[in-house]
Amino acid sequence: MKVLVIEDEAPASQKLFRLLNEIDSGIEIIDVLRSVEQTINWLSAHPCPDLIFMDIQLDDGLCFDIFEKCKIDVPIIFTTAYDEFALKAFKLNSVDYLLKPVNRDELKNAIEKFNTIHWPKTGFARLESVIKQLQPSSKERFLVKIGAHYKSIPATNIHCFYIIERCTFLYTDAGKSYPIDYSLGEIEQMVDPKLFFRISRDFIINYYAIRDLIAYSSNRLKIILPHWVEKEELLVSRERVANFKKWMDR
């Protein structure tokens, strides 16, 4: 089961991760979003998850603003400190409404409720997704424009994909960066997940390009790539560190 978490409080999201892992180790948290704007952008660029955990009060407003910009057909379990929004929440694909601090038993009951009501209905869609994943469909090359010319770059020669000022670039083993016409969300679906890992909102990294890993503040990791000259450091975001370590430890 693929789960999206929309939560602006790090302690709350960390507790939710722990409880979900205890309840069902098969639950995969695909991303953690902190704001209305970030969620709208994410939903417009990614396939829908199976289930969303959503806080009411986010960094830049109430979560209900998201529904005014996006059509969300995904079941939602609301997790919030405010009980006055329960009625409004239940009109929006709500499976359950859990008050913080989230109780393990209540969370387990909410998951079981979701499994009973919604999970069987998505069986055929999940089967199609599995079949698609088994097919060799990873993108092997990326076409870039250099002046009046075009160059086809093998995916294996790309050290990372990244975003700067809302533009997407690929960075090669020759230390060159080229703009490309894909979002990171689209690229994440195109490339081989064994070769590439999305370490943060702004970076996707090639496994074989990593030259060093350094412990960083707040339990994060810093990645060293050959010839990397951009000012922004390559940091694995806190919520992705555990999955990143598993990805690296093969």
C-alpha atoms as a PDB file:
ATOM      1  CA  MET A   1       0.000   0.000   0.000  1.00  0.00           C
ATOM      2  CA  LYS A   2       1.408   3.387  -1.054  1.00  0.00           C
ATOM      3  CA  VAL A   3       0.700   6.184   1.435  1.00  0.00           C
ATOM      4  CA  LEU A   4       1.150   9.952   1.149  1.00  0.00           C
ATOM      5  CA  VAL A   5       1.549  11.957   4.375  1.00  0.00           C
ATOM      6  CA  ILE A   6       0.583  15.641   4.478  1.00  0.00           C
ATOM      7  CA  GLU A   7       1.839  16.939   7.821  1.00  0.00           C
ATOM      8  CA  ASP A   8       3.792  20.082   8.774  1.00  0.00           C
ATOM      9  CA  GLU A   9       4.985  18.919  12.205  1.00  0.00           C
ATOM     10  CA  ALA A  10       8.085  16.705  12.073  1.00  0.00           C
ATOM     11  CA  PRO A  11       7.470  14.994  15.455  1.00  0.00           C
ATOM     12  CA  ALA A  12       3.914  14.116  14.397  1.00  0.00           C
ATOM     13  CA  SER A  13       5.028  12.671  11.047  1.00  0.00           C
ATOM     14  CA  GLN A  14       7.830  10.680  12.695  1.00  0.00           C
ATOM     15  CA  LYS A  15       5.410   9.191  15.212  1.00  0.00           C
ATOM     16  CA  LEU A  16       3.011   8.329  12.393  1.00  0.00           C
ATOM     17  CA  PHE A  17       5.842   6.560  10.496  1.00  0.00           C
ATOM     18  CA  ARG A  18       6.671   4.492  13.553  1.00  0.00           C
ATOM     19  CA  LEU A  19       3.079   3.501  14.263  1.00  0.00           C
ATOM     20  CA  LEU A  20       2.348   2.614  10.636  1.00  0.00           C
ATOM     21  CA  ASN A  21       5.449   0.411  10.497  1.00  0.00           C
ATOM     22  CA  GLU A  22       4.332  -1.355  13.676  1.00  0.00           C
ATOM     23  CA  ILE A  23       0.809  -1.880  12.354  1.00  0.00           C
ATOM     24  CA  ASP A  24       1.728  -2.979   8.821  1.00  0.00           C
ATOM     25  CA  SER A  25       5.324  -3.177   7.553  1.00  0.00           C
ATOM     26  CA  GLY A  26       3.965  -3.397   4.004  1.00  0.00           C
ATOM     27  CA  ILE A  27       2.856   0.237   4.077  1.00  0.00           C
ATOM     28  CA  GLU A  28       5.162   2.388   1.926  1.00  0.00           C
ATOM     29  CA  ILE A  29       5.300   6.121   2.691  1.00  0.00           C
ATOM     30  CA  ILE A  30       6.087   7.636  -0.695  1.00  0.00           C
ATOM     31  CA  ASP A  31       6.416  11.266   0.400  1.00  0.00           C
ATOM     32  CA  VAL A  32       5.809  13.783   3.190  1.00  0.00           C
ATOM     33  CA  LEU A  33       4.425  17.220   2.332  1.00  0.00           C
ATOM     34  CA  ARG A  34       4.207  20.225   4.654  1.00  0.00           C
ATOM     35  CA  SER A  35       2.076  22.843   2.906  1.00  0.00           C
ATOM     36  CA  VAL A  36      -0.983  23.445   0.757  1.00  0.00           C
ATOM     37  CA  GLU A  37       1.121  24.721  -2.154  1.00  0.00           C
ATOM     38  CA  GLN A  38       3.555  21.816  -1.983  1.00  0.00           C
ATOM     39  CA  THR A  39       0.686  19.321  -1.947  1.00  0.00           C
ATOM     40  CA  ILE A  40      -1.059  20.897  -4.943  1.00  0.00           C
ATOM     41  CA  ASN A  41       2.196  20.776  -6.926  1.00  0.00           C
ATOM     42  CA  TRP A  42       2.871  17.175  -5.873  1.00  0.00           C
ATOM     43  CA  LEU A  43      -0.598  15.922  -6.785  1.00  0.00           C
ATOM     44  CA  SER A  44      -0.384  17.547 -10.216  1.00  0.00           C
ATOM     45  CA  ALA A  45       2.902  15.758 -10.976  1.00  0.00           C
ATOM     46  CA  HIS A  46       2.504  12.292  -9.412  1.00  0.00           C
ATOM     47  CA  PRO A  47       0.145   9.327  -9.685  1.00  0.00           C
ATOM     48  CA  CYS A  48      -2.315   9.080  -6.813  1.00  0.00           C
ATOM     49  CA  PRO A  49      -1.345   7.022  -3.757  1.00  0.00           C
ATOM     50  CA  ASP A  50      -3.654   4.396  -2.272  1.00  0.00           C
ATOM     51  CA  LEU A  51      -4.275   6.400   0.905  1.00  0.00           C
ATOM     52  CA  ILE A  52      -3.537   9.901   2.248  1.00  0.00           C
ATOM     53  CA  PHE A  53      -2.900  10.904   5.850  1.00  0.00           C
ATOM     54  CA  MET A  54      -3.714  14.602   6.085  1.00  0.00           C
ATOM     55  CA  ASP A  55      -3.319  17.191   8.820  1.00  0.00           C
ATOM     56  CA  ILE A  56      -5.846  20.053   8.861  1.00  0.00           C
ATOM     57  CA  GLN A  57      -3.574  22.984   9.702  1.00  0.00           C
ATOM     58  CA  LEU A  58      -0.535  23.164   7.385  1.00  0.00           C
ATOM     59  CA  ASP A  59       2.347  25.612   6.987  1.00  0.00           C
ATOM     60  CA  ASP A  60       0.451  27.953   4.674  1.00  0.00           C
ATOM     61  CA  GLY A  61      -3.212  27.376   5.528  1.00  0.00           C
ATOM     62  CA  LEU A  62      -5.943  24.793   5.953  1.00  0.00           C
ATOM     63  CA  CYS A  63      -5.822  21.566   3.984  1.00  0.00           C
ATOM     64  CA  PHE A  64      -9.294  22.248   2.597  1.00  0.00           C
ATOM     65  CA  ASP A  65      -7.694  24.755   0.209  1.00  0.00           C
ATOM     66  CA  ILE A  66      -6.103  21.782  -1.567  1.00  0.00           C
ATOM     67  CA  PHE A  67      -9.501  20.435  -2.594  1.00  0.00           C
ATOM     68  CA  GLU A  68     -10.352  23.745  -4.277  1.00  0.00           C
ATOM     69  CA  LYS A  69      -7.369  23.296  -6.623  1.00  0.00           C
ATOM     70  CA  CYS A  70      -7.191  19.517  -7.041  1.00  0.00           C
ATOM     71  CA  LYS A  71      -9.649  16.718  -7.603  1.00  0.00           C
ATOM     72  CA  ILE A  72      -8.811  14.099  -4.983  1.00  0.00           C
ATOM     73  CA  ASP A  73     -10.506  10.710  -5.248  1.00  0.00           C
ATOM     74  CA  VAL A  74      -8.118   9.039  -2.800  1.00  0.00           C
ATOM     75  CA  PRO A  75      -9.405   7.928   0.645  1.00  0.00           C
ATOM     76  CA  ILE A  76      -8.130  10.186   3.431  1.00  0.00           C
ATOM     77  CA  ILE A  77      -7.454   9.666   7.123  1.00  0.00           C
ATOM     78  CA  PHE A  78      -7.336  13.071   8.792  1.00  0.00           C
ATOM     79  CA  THR A  79      -4.923  13.499  11.704  1.00  0.00           C
ATOM     80  CA  THR A  80      -5.326  16.784  13.525  1.00  0.00           C
ATOM     81  CA  ALA A  81      -5.409  18.597  16.848  1.00  0.00           C
ATOM     82  CA  TYR A  82      -8.688  20.318  15.945  1.00  0.00           C
ATOM     83  CA  ASP A  83     -12.023  18.585  16.414  1.00  0.00           C
ATOM     84  CA  GLU A  84     -14.164  21.397  14.957  1.00  0.00           C
ATOM     85  CA  PHE A  85     -13.416  20.383  11.347  1.00  0.00           C
ATOM     86  CA  ALA A  86     -14.689  16.803  11.617  1.00  0.00           C
ATOM     87  CA  LEU A  87     -17.980  17.386   9.778  1.00  0.00           C
ATOM     88  CA  LYS A  88     -16.299  19.179   6.896  1.00  0.00           C
ATOM     89  CA  ALA A  89     -13.607  16.496   6.699  1.00  0.00           C
ATOM     90  CA  PHE A  90     -16.109  13.654   6.449  1.00  0.00           C
ATOM     91  CA  LYS A  91     -17.517  15.221   3.293  1.00  0.00           C
ATOM     92  CA  LEU A  92     -14.103  14.844   1.620  1.00  0.00           C
ATOM     93  CA  ASN A  93     -13.347  11.126   1.058  1.00  0.00           C
ATOM     94  CA  SER A  94     -12.693  10.695   4.756  1.00  0.00           C
ATOM     95  CA  VAL A  95     -12.091   7.218   6.151  1.00  0.00           C
ATOM     96  CA  ASP A  96     -11.530   8.464   9.691  1.00  0.00           C
ATOM     97  CA  TYR A  97     -10.725  11.567  11.756  1.00  0.00           C
ATOM     98  CA  LEU A  98      -8.018  11.027  14.360  1.00  0.00           C
ATOM     99  CA  LEU A  99      -7.162  13.594  17.012  1.00  0.00           C
ATOM    100  CA  LYS A 100      -3.539  14.184  17.988  1.00  0.00           C
ATOM    101  CA  PRO A 101      -1.673  12.709  19.671  1.00  0.00           C
ATOM    102  CA  VAL A 102      -2.604   9.798  17.428  1.00  0.00           C
ATOM    103  CA  ASN A 103      -3.411   6.638  19.370  1.00  0.00           C
ATOM    104  CA  ARG A 104      -2.010   3.352  18.031  1.00  0.00           C
ATOM    105  CA  ASP A 105      -5.261   1.418  18.463  1.00  0.00           C
ATOM    106  CA  GLU A 106      -7.317   4.159  16.807  1.00  0.00           C
ATOM    107  CA  LEU A 107      -4.848   4.301  13.921  1.00  0.00           C
ATOM    108  CA  LYS A 108      -4.993   0.523  13.518  1.00  0.00           C
ATOM    109  CA  ASN A 109      -8.797   0.640  13.462  1.00  0.00           C
ATOM    110  CA  ALA A 110      -8.678   3.365  10.808  1.00  0.00           C
ATOM    111  CA  ILE A 111      -6.347   1.258   8.646  1.00  0.00           C
ATOM    112  CA  GLU A 112      -8.606  -1.778   9.050  1.00  0.00           C
ATOM    113  CA  LYS A 113     -11.606   0.358   8.102  1.00  0.00           C
ATOM    114  CA  PHE A 114      -9.802   1.522   4.977  1.00  0.00           C
ATOM    115  CA  ASN A 115      -8.848  -2.060   4.083  1.00  0.00           C
ATOM    116  CA  THR A 116     -12.437  -3.224   4.497  1.00  0.00           C
ATOM    117  CA  ILE A 117     -14.123  -0.426   2.568  1.00  0.00           C
ATOM    118  CA  HIS A 118     -11.639   0.731  -0.062  1.00  0.00           C
ATOM    119  CA  TRP A 119      -8.710  -1.630  -0.547  1.00  0.00           C
ATOM    120  CA  PRO A 120     -10.582  -4.486  -2.333  1.00  0.00           C
ATOM    121  CA  LYS A 121     -11.991  -2.000  -4.868  1.00  0.00           C
ATOM    122  CA  THR A 122      -8.509  -1.137  -6.102  1.00  0.00           C
ATOM    123  CA  GLY A 123      -7.423  -4.728  -6.728  1.00  0.00           C
ATOM    124  CA  PHE A 124      -7.443  -4.589 -10.527  1.00  0.00           C
ATOM    125  CA  ALA A 125      -5.664  -1.240 -10.560  1.00  0.00           C
ATOM    126  CA  ARG A 126      -2.986  -2.599  -8.228  1.00  0.00           C
ATOM    127  CA  LEU A 127      -2.572  -5.700 -10.413  1.00  0.00           C
ATOM    128  CA  GLU A 128      -2.090  -3.541 -13.504  1.00  0.00           C
ATOM    129  CA  SER A 129       0.452  -1.471 -11.604  1.00  0.00           C
ATOM    130  CA  VAL A 130       2.409  -4.577 -10.582  1.00  0.00           C
ATOM    131  CA  ILE A 131       2.418  -5.890 -14.157  1.00  0.00           C
ATOM    132  CA  LYS A 132       3.633  -2.532 -15.407  1.00  0.00           C
ATOM    133  CA  GLN A 133       6.420  -2.497 -12.846  1.00  0.00           C
ATOM    134  CA  LEU A 134       7.566  -5.962 -13.965  1.00  0.00           C
ATOM    135  CA  GLN A 135       7.878  -4.807 -17.544  1.00  0.00           C
ATOM    136  CA  PRO A 136      11.260  -3.390 -18.649  1.00  0.00           C
ATOM    137  CA  SER A 137      10.047   0.164 -19.242  1.00  0.00           C
ATOM    138  CA  SER A 138      12.768   2.309 -17.656  1.00  0.00           C
ATOM    139  CA  LYS A 139      13.934   5.185 -19.818  1.00  0.00           C
ATOM    140  CA  GLU A 140      17.429   4.484 -21.177  1.00  0.00           C
ATOM    141  CA  ARG A 141      18.407   7.854 -22.682  1.00  0.00           C
ATOM    142  CA  PHE A 142      17.507  11.546 -22.367  1.00  0.00           C
ATOM    143  CA  LEU A 143      17.600  13.966 -25.295  1.00  0.00           C
ATOM    144  CA  VAL A 144      19.036  17.422 -24.515  1.00  0.00           C
ATOM    145  CA  LYS A 145      19.481  20.502 -26.686  1.00  0.00           C
ATOM    146  CA  ILE A 146      22.907  22.157 -26.907  1.00  0.00           C
ATOM    147  CA  GLY A 147      22.633  25.320 -28.957  1.00  0.00           C
ATOM    148  CA  ALA A 148      21.301  24.277 -32.351  1.00  0.00           C
ATOM    149  CA  HIS A 149      22.275  20.656 -31.753  1.00  0.00           C
ATOM    150  CA  TYR A 150      20.759  17.732 -29.845  1.00  0.00           C
ATOM    151  CA  LYS A 151      22.552  15.123 -27.788  1.00  0.00           C
ATOM    152  CA  SER A 152      21.260  11.794 -26.474  1.00  0.00           C
ATOM    153  CA  ILE A 153      22.651  11.031 -23.013  1.00  0.00           C
ATOM    154  CA  PRO A 154      22.489   7.482 -21.575  1.00  0.00           C
ATOM    155  CA  ALA A 155      20.765   7.305 -18.188  1.00  0.00           C
ATOM    156  CA  THR A 156      23.798   5.472 -16.799  1.00  0.00           C
ATOM    157  CA  ASN A 157      25.925   8.575 -17.560  1.00  0.00           C
ATOM    158  CA  ILE A 158      23.654  10.854 -15.550  1.00  0.00           C
ATOM    159  CA  HIS A 159      24.810  11.493 -11.984  1.00  0.00           C
ATOM    160  CA  CYS A 160      21.681  13.316 -10.853  1.00  0.00           C
ATOM    161  CA  PHE A 161      18.553  15.204 -11.832  1.00  0.00           C
ATOM    162  CA  TYR A 162      17.779  18.415  -9.977  1.00  0.00           C
ATOM    163  CA  ILE A 163      15.611  21.521  -9.813  1.00  0.00           C
ATOM    164  CA  ILE A 164      16.783  25.123  -9.613  1.00  0.00           C
ATOM    165  CA  GLU A 165      14.301  28.006  -9.789  1.00  0.00           C
ATOM    166  CA  ARG A 166      11.534  25.670 -11.047  1.00  0.00           C
ATOM    167  CA  CYS A 167      13.660  24.405 -13.958  1.00  0.00           C
ATOM    168  CA  THR A 168      14.767  20.773 -14.204  1.00  0.00           C
ATOM    169  CA  PHE A 169      18.330  19.777 -15.151  1.00  0.00           C
ATOM    170  CA  LEU A 170      20.342  16.619 -15.552  1.00  0.00           C
ATOM    171  CA  TYR A 171      23.976  16.495 -14.461  1.00  0.00           C
ATOM    172  CA  THR A 172      26.368  14.144 -16.264  1.00  0.00           C
ATOM    173  CA  ASP A 173      29.509  12.224 -15.365  1.00  0.00           C
ATOM    174  CA  ALA A 174      31.431  14.823 -17.401  1.00  0.00           C
ATOM    175  CA  GLY A 175      30.386  17.524 -14.943  1.00  0.00           C
ATOM    176  CA  LYS A 176      27.932  19.178 -17.373  1.00  0.00           C
ATOM    177  CA  SER A 177      24.349  20.279 -16.645  1.00  0.00           C
ATOM    178  CA  TYR A 178      21.602  20.402 -19.266  1.00  0.00           C
ATOM    179  CA  PRO A 179      17.967  21.585 -18.973  1.00  0.00           C
ATOM    180  CA  ILE A 180      15.269  19.010 -19.732  1.00  0.00           C
ATOM    181  CA  ASP A 181      11.517  19.249 -20.260  1.00  0.00           C
ATOM    182  CA  TYR A 182      10.410  16.867 -17.509  1.00  0.00           C
ATOM    183  CA  SER A 183       9.454  17.421 -13.882  1.00  0.00           C
ATOM    184  CA  LEU A 184      11.278  15.403 -11.205  1.00  0.00           C
ATOM    185  CA  GLY A 185       8.016  13.578 -10.572  1.00  0.00           C
ATOM    186  CA  GLU A 186       7.886  12.466 -14.213  1.00  0.00           C
ATOM    187  CA  ILE A 187      11.559  11.485 -14.196  1.00  0.00           C
ATOM    188  CA  GLU A 188      11.064   9.454 -11.019  1.00  0.00           C
ATOM    189  CA  GLN A 189       8.510   7.335 -12.886  1.00  0.00           C
ATOM    190  CA  MET A 190      10.731   6.973 -15.971  1.00  0.00           C
ATOM    191  CA  VAL A 191      14.071   5.873 -14.534  1.00  0.00           C
ATOM    192  CA  ASP A 192      15.170   2.547 -13.060  1.00  0.00           C
ATOM    193  CA  PRO A 193      14.453   2.643  -9.284  1.00  0.00           C
ATOM    194  CA  LYS A 194      17.463   0.400  -8.677  1.00  0.00           C
ATOM    195  CA  LEU A 195      19.694   3.008 -10.308  1.00  0.00           C
ATOM    196  CA  PHE A 196      18.074   6.259  -9.154  1.00  0.00           C
ATOM    197  CA  PHE A 197      16.666   7.435  -5.815  1.00  0.00           C
ATOM    198  CA  ARG A 198      14.849  10.679  -5.051  1.00  0.00           C
ATOM    199  CA  ILE A 199      16.665  11.987  -1.977  1.00  0.00           C
ATOM    200  CA  SER A 200      14.573  15.153  -1.604  1.00  0.00           C
ATOM    201  CA  ARG A 201      12.086  17.398  -3.332  1.00  0.00           C
ATOM    202  CA  ASP A 202      14.831  18.767  -5.575  1.00  0.00           C
ATOM    203  CA  PHE A 203      17.226  15.882  -6.291  1.00  0.00           C
ATOM    204  CA  ILE A 204      17.295  12.382  -7.809  1.00  0.00           C
ATOM    205  CA  ILE A 205      20.651  10.614  -7.422  1.00  0.00           C
ATOM    206  CA  ASN A 206      22.407   7.852  -9.382  1.00  0.00           C
ATOM    207  CA  TYR A 207      23.538   4.991  -7.126  1.00  0.00           C
ATOM    208  CA  TYR A 208      26.872   4.527  -8.895  1.00  0.00           C
ATOM    209  CA  ALA A 209      27.691   8.248  -8.876  1.00  0.00           C
ATOM    210  CA  ILE A 210      27.843   8.498  -5.080  1.00  0.00           C
ATOM    211  CA  ARG A 211      31.454   8.919  -3.957  1.00  0.00           C
ATOM    212  CA  ASP A 212      30.888   9.580  -0.279  1.00  0.00           C
ATOM    213  CA  LEU A 213      28.152   9.779   2.368  1.00  0.00           C
ATOM    214  CA  ILE A 214      28.560  12.096   5.323  1.00  0.00           C
ATOM    215  CA  ALA A 215      26.463  12.285   8.499  1.00  0.00           C
ATOM    216  CA  TYR A 216      24.756  15.678   8.594  1.00  0.00           C
ATOM    217  CA  SER A 217      22.706  17.625  11.121  1.00  0.00           C
ATOM    218  CA  SER A 218      19.144  16.570  12.109  1.00  0.00           C
ATOM    219  CA  ASN A 219      19.809  12.916  11.196  1.00  0.00           C
ATOM    220  CA  ARG A 220      20.251  13.720   7.521  1.00  0.00           C
ATOM    221  CA  LEU A 221      22.941  12.536   5.106  1.00  0.00           C
ATOM    222  CA  LYS A 222      25.124  14.573   2.758  1.00  0.00           C
ATOM    223  CA  ILE A 223      26.040  13.063  -0.607  1.00  0.00           C
ATOM    224  CA  ILE A 224      29.274  13.795  -2.461  1.00  0.00           C
ATOM    225  CA  LEU A 225      29.253  13.529  -6.266  1.00  0.00           C
ATOM    226  CA  PRO A 226      32.285  13.894  -8.553  1.00  0.00           C
ATOM    227  CA  HIS A 227      32.750  17.400  -9.978  1.00  0.00           C
ATOM    228  CA  TRP A 228      29.556  18.741  -8.334  1.00  0.00           C
ATOM    229  CA  VAL A 229      29.944  22.527  -8.415  1.00  0.00           C
ATOM    230  CA  GLU A 230      26.418  23.779  -7.759  1.00  0.00           C
ATOM    231  CA  LYS A 231      26.017  25.790  -4.562  1.00  0.00           C
ATOM    232  CA  GLU A 232      23.211  23.656  -3.133  1.00  0.00           C
ATOM    233  CA  GLU A 233      24.340  20.700  -1.041  1.00  0.00           C
ATOM    234  CA  LEU A 234      23.027  17.229  -1.842  1.00  0.00           C
ATOM    235  CA  LEU A 235      21.150  16.301   1.335  1.00  0.00           C
ATOM    236  CA  VAL A 236      18.895  13.319   1.916  1.00  0.00           C
ATOM    237  CA  SER A 237      15.771  14.686   3.597  1.00  0.00           C
ATOM    238  CA  ARG A 238      14.984  13.330   7.069  1.00  0.00           C
ATOM    239  CA  GLU A 239      11.832  11.469   6.040  1.00  0.00           C
ATOM    240  CA  ARG A 240      13.703   9.659   3.233  1.00  0.00           C
ATOM    241  CA  VAL A 241      16.847   8.643   5.137  1.00  0.00           C
ATOM    242  CA  ALA A 242      15.553   5.231   6.274  1.00  0.00           C
ATOM    243  CA  ASN A 243      14.440   4.196   2.765  1.00  0.00           C
ATOM    244  CA  PHE A 244      17.621   5.633   1.283  1.00  0.00           C
ATOM    245  CA  LYS A 245      19.776   3.497   3.589  1.00  0.00           C
ATOM    246  CA  LYS A 246      17.820   0.400   2.568  1.00  0.00           C
ATOM    247  CA  TRP A 247      18.265   1.362  -1.087  1.00  0.00           C
ATOM    248  CA  MET A 248      22.017   1.748  -0.581  1.00  0.00           C
ATOM    249  CA  ASP A 249      22.434  -1.404   1.523  1.00  0.00           C
ATOM    250  CA  ARG A 250      21.991  -4.051  -1.172  1.00  0.00           C
END
